[in-house]
Amino acid sequence: MKCPFCSHLEDKVVDSRESKEGDVIRRRRECLSCGKRFTSYERIDQVPHMVVKKDGRRERFDREKVMQGLLKACEKRPVPVKALESIVDGVEAMVQESPDREMTTDQVGEFLMSRLRELDKVAFVRFASVYRDFKDVDQFMATLKGLLEARD
């Protein structure tokens, strides 16, 4: 913590107190250089992680929504739930590590599709058909063809 008086970077905490609500910690500090005391406050970072939809709207990242989409794609497929949880953990970490605290649904969708492609081809096609919103059979067939070529 930088001293507001002399800008020295080392101090010692003299006293710590939690607020009545428990959401803030007040710390009295003493600069080790100039000896002056100052107060700092600690709060939990509560800025939500967001996803930017295709139409520009922003929505809170919803882990459950992602999991439900994956479960639907993997319905009646031999895919362990543990593997899906791992994929959701990965996408959640990706969103949380984003410097802007937000990510586009395109980035999230591509991440999910790449993991599903490795895990189960049928689940991948199901997910891609909903996510990419194919307009006609040709688009759908092109995706299937790419999948088959990658297999060879």
C-alpha atoms as a PDB file:
ATOM      1  CA  MET A   1       0.000   0.000   0.000  1.00  0.00           C
ATOM      2  CA  LYS A   2       1.483   3.330  -1.052  1.00  0.00           C
ATOM      3  CA  CYS A   3       1.682   5.989   1.664  1.00  0.00           C
ATOM      4  CA  PRO A   4      -0.490   9.018   0.689  1.00  0.00           C
ATOM      5  CA  PHE A   5       2.030  11.363   2.334  1.00  0.00           C
ATOM      6  CA  CYS A   6       5.460  10.212   1.110  1.00  0.00           C
ATOM      7  CA  SER A   7       4.567   7.488  -1.472  1.00  0.00           C
ATOM      8  CA  HIS A   8       6.682   4.888   0.330  1.00  0.00           C
ATOM      9  CA  LEU A   9       5.486   1.348  -0.421  1.00  0.00           C
ATOM     10  CA  GLU A  10       6.021  -0.288   2.961  1.00  0.00           C
ATOM     11  CA  ASP A  11       3.754   0.039   5.969  1.00  0.00           C
ATOM     12  CA  LYS A  12       2.492  -1.940   8.912  1.00  0.00           C
ATOM     13  CA  VAL A  13      -1.111  -2.575   9.870  1.00  0.00           C
ATOM     14  CA  VAL A  14      -1.798  -1.086  13.298  1.00  0.00           C
ATOM     15  CA  ASP A  15      -5.495  -2.017  13.586  1.00  0.00           C
ATOM     16  CA  SER A  16      -8.111  -3.932  11.534  1.00  0.00           C
ATOM     17  CA  ARG A  17     -11.861  -3.734  12.010  1.00  0.00           C
ATOM     18  CA  GLU A  18     -14.723  -5.293  10.115  1.00  0.00           C
ATOM     19  CA  SER A  19     -17.809  -3.163   9.398  1.00  0.00           C
ATOM     20  CA  LYS A  20     -21.077  -4.059  11.122  1.00  0.00           C
ATOM     21  CA  GLU A  21     -22.417  -5.496   7.863  1.00  0.00           C
ATOM     22  CA  GLY A  22     -19.228  -7.506   7.343  1.00  0.00           C
ATOM     23  CA  ASP A  23     -18.700  -6.282   3.791  1.00  0.00           C
ATOM     24  CA  VAL A  24     -15.769  -3.907   4.451  1.00  0.00           C
ATOM     25  CA  ILE A  25     -12.562  -4.189   6.435  1.00  0.00           C
ATOM     26  CA  ARG A  26     -11.040  -0.923   7.713  1.00  0.00           C
ATOM     27  CA  ARG A  27      -7.294  -1.001   8.300  1.00  0.00           C
ATOM     28  CA  ARG A  28      -5.228   1.644  10.113  1.00  0.00           C
ATOM     29  CA  ARG A  29      -1.731   1.664   8.684  1.00  0.00           C
ATOM     30  CA  GLU A  30       1.512   3.314   9.647  1.00  0.00           C
ATOM     31  CA  CYS A  31       4.110   4.226   7.038  1.00  0.00           C
ATOM     32  CA  LEU A  32       7.499   2.695   7.803  1.00  0.00           C
ATOM     33  CA  SER A  33       9.257   5.668   6.222  1.00  0.00           C
ATOM     34  CA  CYS A  34       7.544   8.834   7.479  1.00  0.00           C
ATOM     35  CA  GLY A  35       5.656   7.304  10.427  1.00  0.00           C
ATOM     36  CA  LYS A  36       2.326   8.932   9.510  1.00  0.00           C
ATOM     37  CA  ARG A  37      -0.897   6.949   9.811  1.00  0.00           C
ATOM     38  CA  PHE A  38      -3.575   6.462   7.175  1.00  0.00           C
ATOM     39  CA  THR A  39      -6.667   4.333   6.658  1.00  0.00           C
ATOM     40  CA  SER A  40      -7.425   1.844   3.899  1.00  0.00           C
ATOM     41  CA  TYR A  41     -10.640  -0.044   3.157  1.00  0.00           C
ATOM     42  CA  GLU A  42     -10.978  -3.508   1.643  1.00  0.00           C
ATOM     43  CA  ARG A  43     -14.105  -4.501  -0.246  1.00  0.00           C
ATOM     44  CA  ILE A  44     -14.938  -7.622  -2.237  1.00  0.00           C
ATOM     45  CA  ASP A  45     -14.730  -6.979  -5.958  1.00  0.00           C
ATOM     46  CA  GLN A  46     -18.347  -7.308  -7.057  1.00  0.00           C
ATOM     47  CA  VAL A  47     -18.202  -6.321 -10.708  1.00  0.00           C
ATOM     48  CA  PRO A  48     -19.992  -9.160 -12.500  1.00  0.00           C
ATOM     49  CA  HIS A  49     -18.506 -11.093 -15.385  1.00  0.00           C
ATOM     50  CA  MET A  50     -20.512 -10.401 -18.516  1.00  0.00           C
ATOM     51  CA  VAL A  51     -21.140 -11.943 -21.913  1.00  0.00           C
ATOM     52  CA  VAL A  52     -21.915  -9.734 -24.896  1.00  0.00           C
ATOM     53  CA  LYS A  53     -24.757 -11.170 -26.965  1.00  0.00           C
ATOM     54  CA  LYS A  54     -24.858 -11.064 -30.773  1.00  0.00           C
ATOM     55  CA  ASP A  55     -27.274  -8.100 -30.684  1.00  0.00           C
ATOM     56  CA  GLY A  56     -24.955  -6.122 -28.368  1.00  0.00           C
ATOM     57  CA  ARG A  57     -26.849  -6.721 -25.124  1.00  0.00           C
ATOM     58  CA  ARG A  58     -24.800  -7.577 -22.063  1.00  0.00           C
ATOM     59  CA  GLU A  59     -25.809 -10.338 -19.693  1.00  0.00           C
ATOM     60  CA  ARG A  60     -24.233 -11.798 -16.573  1.00  0.00           C
ATOM     61  CA  PHE A  61     -22.235 -14.948 -17.222  1.00  0.00           C
ATOM     62  CA  ASP A  62     -24.446 -17.815 -16.100  1.00  0.00           C
ATOM     63  CA  ARG A  63     -22.622 -21.062 -15.419  1.00  0.00           C
ATOM     64  CA  GLU A  64     -25.898 -22.986 -15.132  1.00  0.00           C
ATOM     65  CA  LYS A  65     -27.099 -21.751 -18.522  1.00  0.00           C
ATOM     66  CA  VAL A  66     -23.896 -23.034 -20.144  1.00  0.00           C
ATOM     67  CA  MET A  67     -24.231 -26.379 -18.355  1.00  0.00           C
ATOM     68  CA  GLN A  68     -27.868 -26.761 -19.457  1.00  0.00           C
ATOM     69  CA  GLY A  69     -26.869 -26.146 -23.091  1.00  0.00           C
ATOM     70  CA  LEU A  70     -24.148 -28.782 -22.895  1.00  0.00           C
ATOM     71  CA  LEU A  71     -26.453 -31.294 -21.181  1.00  0.00           C
ATOM     72  CA  LYS A  72     -29.036 -30.784 -23.914  1.00  0.00           C
ATOM     73  CA  ALA A  73     -26.429 -31.343 -26.636  1.00  0.00           C
ATOM     74  CA  CYS A  74     -25.196 -34.490 -24.891  1.00  0.00           C
ATOM     75  CA  GLU A  75     -28.630 -35.954 -24.185  1.00  0.00           C
ATOM     76  CA  LYS A  76     -28.584 -39.758 -24.679  1.00  0.00           C
ATOM     77  CA  ARG A  77     -24.858 -39.652 -25.449  1.00  0.00           C
ATOM     78  CA  PRO A  78     -22.134 -41.505 -23.498  1.00  0.00           C
ATOM     79  CA  VAL A  79     -20.637 -38.288 -22.139  1.00  0.00           C
ATOM     80  CA  PRO A  80     -19.829 -38.152 -18.401  1.00  0.00           C
ATOM     81  CA  VAL A  81     -21.212 -35.156 -16.501  1.00  0.00           C
ATOM     82  CA  LYS A  82     -17.743 -34.723 -14.981  1.00  0.00           C
ATOM     83  CA  ALA A  83     -16.367 -33.977 -18.470  1.00  0.00           C
ATOM     84  CA  LEU A  84     -19.074 -31.348 -19.009  1.00  0.00           C
ATOM     85  CA  GLU A  85     -18.301 -29.771 -15.639  1.00  0.00           C
ATOM     86  CA  SER A  86     -14.670 -29.558 -16.697  1.00  0.00           C
ATOM     87  CA  ILE A  87     -15.677 -27.760 -19.913  1.00  0.00           C
ATOM     88  CA  VAL A  88     -17.862 -25.332 -17.945  1.00  0.00           C
ATOM     89  CA  ASP A  89     -14.971 -24.731 -15.504  1.00  0.00           C
ATOM     90  CA  GLY A  90     -12.753 -23.890 -18.469  1.00  0.00           C
ATOM     91  CA  VAL A  91     -15.159 -21.416 -20.033  1.00  0.00           C
ATOM     92  CA  GLU A  92     -15.843 -19.808 -16.644  1.00  0.00           C
ATOM     93  CA  ALA A  93     -12.110 -19.370 -16.050  1.00  0.00           C
ATOM     94  CA  MET A  94     -11.760 -17.878 -19.528  1.00  0.00           C
ATOM     95  CA  VAL A  95     -14.479 -15.294 -18.797  1.00  0.00           C
ATOM     96  CA  GLN A  96     -13.059 -14.492 -15.353  1.00  0.00           C
ATOM     97  CA  GLU A  97      -9.540 -14.015 -16.739  1.00  0.00           C
ATOM     98  CA  SER A  98     -10.754 -11.659 -19.457  1.00  0.00           C
ATOM     99  CA  PRO A  99      -9.164  -8.239 -18.823  1.00  0.00           C
ATOM    100  CA  ASP A 100     -12.444  -6.441 -19.634  1.00  0.00           C
ATOM    101  CA  ARG A 101     -14.482  -8.775 -17.384  1.00  0.00           C
ATOM    102  CA  GLU A 102     -16.578  -9.593 -20.430  1.00  0.00           C
ATOM    103  CA  MET A 103     -16.480 -11.849 -23.448  1.00  0.00           C
ATOM    104  CA  THR A 104     -18.607 -12.234 -26.561  1.00  0.00           C
ATOM    105  CA  THR A 105     -20.979 -15.162 -26.910  1.00  0.00           C
ATOM    106  CA  ASP A 106     -19.068 -15.981 -30.114  1.00  0.00           C
ATOM    107  CA  GLN A 107     -15.880 -16.553 -28.115  1.00  0.00           C
ATOM    108  CA  VAL A 108     -17.731 -18.608 -25.497  1.00  0.00           C
ATOM    109  CA  GLY A 109     -19.530 -20.659 -28.166  1.00  0.00           C
ATOM    110  CA  GLU A 110     -16.365 -21.380 -30.137  1.00  0.00           C
ATOM    111  CA  PHE A 111     -14.600 -22.509 -26.952  1.00  0.00           C
ATOM    112  CA  LEU A 112     -17.486 -24.840 -26.109  1.00  0.00           C
ATOM    113  CA  MET A 113     -17.677 -26.238 -29.633  1.00  0.00           C
ATOM    114  CA  SER A 114     -13.955 -26.964 -29.755  1.00  0.00           C
ATOM    115  CA  ARG A 115     -14.212 -28.935 -26.499  1.00  0.00           C
ATOM    116  CA  LEU A 116     -17.350 -30.790 -27.624  1.00  0.00           C
ATOM    117  CA  ARG A 117     -15.713 -31.664 -30.949  1.00  0.00           C
ATOM    118  CA  GLU A 118     -12.952 -33.471 -29.007  1.00  0.00           C
ATOM    119  CA  LEU A 119     -15.409 -35.114 -26.622  1.00  0.00           C
ATOM    120  CA  ASP A 120     -18.333 -36.287 -28.772  1.00  0.00           C
ATOM    121  CA  LYS A 121     -18.961 -35.561 -32.456  1.00  0.00           C
ATOM    122  CA  VAL A 122     -22.745 -35.978 -32.250  1.00  0.00           C
ATOM    123  CA  ALA A 123     -22.969 -33.593 -29.277  1.00  0.00           C
ATOM    124  CA  PHE A 124     -20.787 -31.151 -31.210  1.00  0.00           C
ATOM    125  CA  VAL A 125     -23.155 -31.231 -34.225  1.00  0.00           C
ATOM    126  CA  ARG A 126     -26.197 -30.783 -31.985  1.00  0.00           C
ATOM    127  CA  PHE A 127     -24.624 -27.840 -30.177  1.00  0.00           C
ATOM    128  CA  ALA A 128     -23.353 -26.266 -33.409  1.00  0.00           C
ATOM    129  CA  SER A 129     -26.759 -26.567 -35.087  1.00  0.00           C
ATOM    130  CA  VAL A 130     -28.360 -24.504 -32.321  1.00  0.00           C
ATOM    131  CA  TYR A 131     -25.438 -22.175 -31.667  1.00  0.00           C
ATOM    132  CA  ARG A 132     -24.601 -21.355 -35.282  1.00  0.00           C
ATOM    133  CA  ASP A 133     -28.295 -21.132 -36.223  1.00  0.00           C
ATOM    134  CA  PHE A 134     -27.896 -22.729 -39.654  1.00  0.00           C
ATOM    135  CA  LYS A 135     -30.102 -21.032 -42.239  1.00  0.00           C
ATOM    136  CA  ASP A 136     -30.202 -23.972 -44.643  1.00  0.00           C
ATOM    137  CA  VAL A 137     -29.107 -27.552 -45.141  1.00  0.00           C
ATOM    138  CA  ASP A 138     -25.998 -26.473 -47.097  1.00  0.00           C
ATOM    139  CA  GLN A 139     -24.515 -24.706 -44.059  1.00  0.00           C
ATOM    140  CA  PHE A 140     -25.264 -27.740 -41.916  1.00  0.00           C
ATOM    141  CA  MET A 141     -23.716 -30.107 -44.470  1.00  0.00           C
ATOM    142  CA  ALA A 142     -20.596 -27.942 -44.737  1.00  0.00           C
ATOM    143  CA  THR A 143     -20.088 -28.294 -40.972  1.00  0.00           C
ATOM    144  CA  LEU A 144     -20.579 -32.051 -41.161  1.00  0.00           C
ATOM    145  CA  LYS A 145     -18.189 -32.284 -44.090  1.00  0.00           C
ATOM    146  CA  GLY A 146     -15.540 -30.362 -42.123  1.00  0.00           C
ATOM    147  CA  LEU A 147     -16.039 -32.737 -39.232  1.00  0.00           C
ATOM    148  CA  LEU A 148     -15.624 -35.784 -41.462  1.00  0.00           C
ATOM    149  CA  GLU A 149     -12.502 -34.365 -43.137  1.00  0.00           C
ATOM    150  CA  ALA A 150     -10.930 -33.635 -39.763  1.00  0.00           C
ATOM    151  CA  ARG A 151     -11.490 -37.280 -38.809  1.00  0.00           C
ATOM    152  CA  ASP A 152      -9.521 -38.616 -41.785  1.00  0.00           C
END
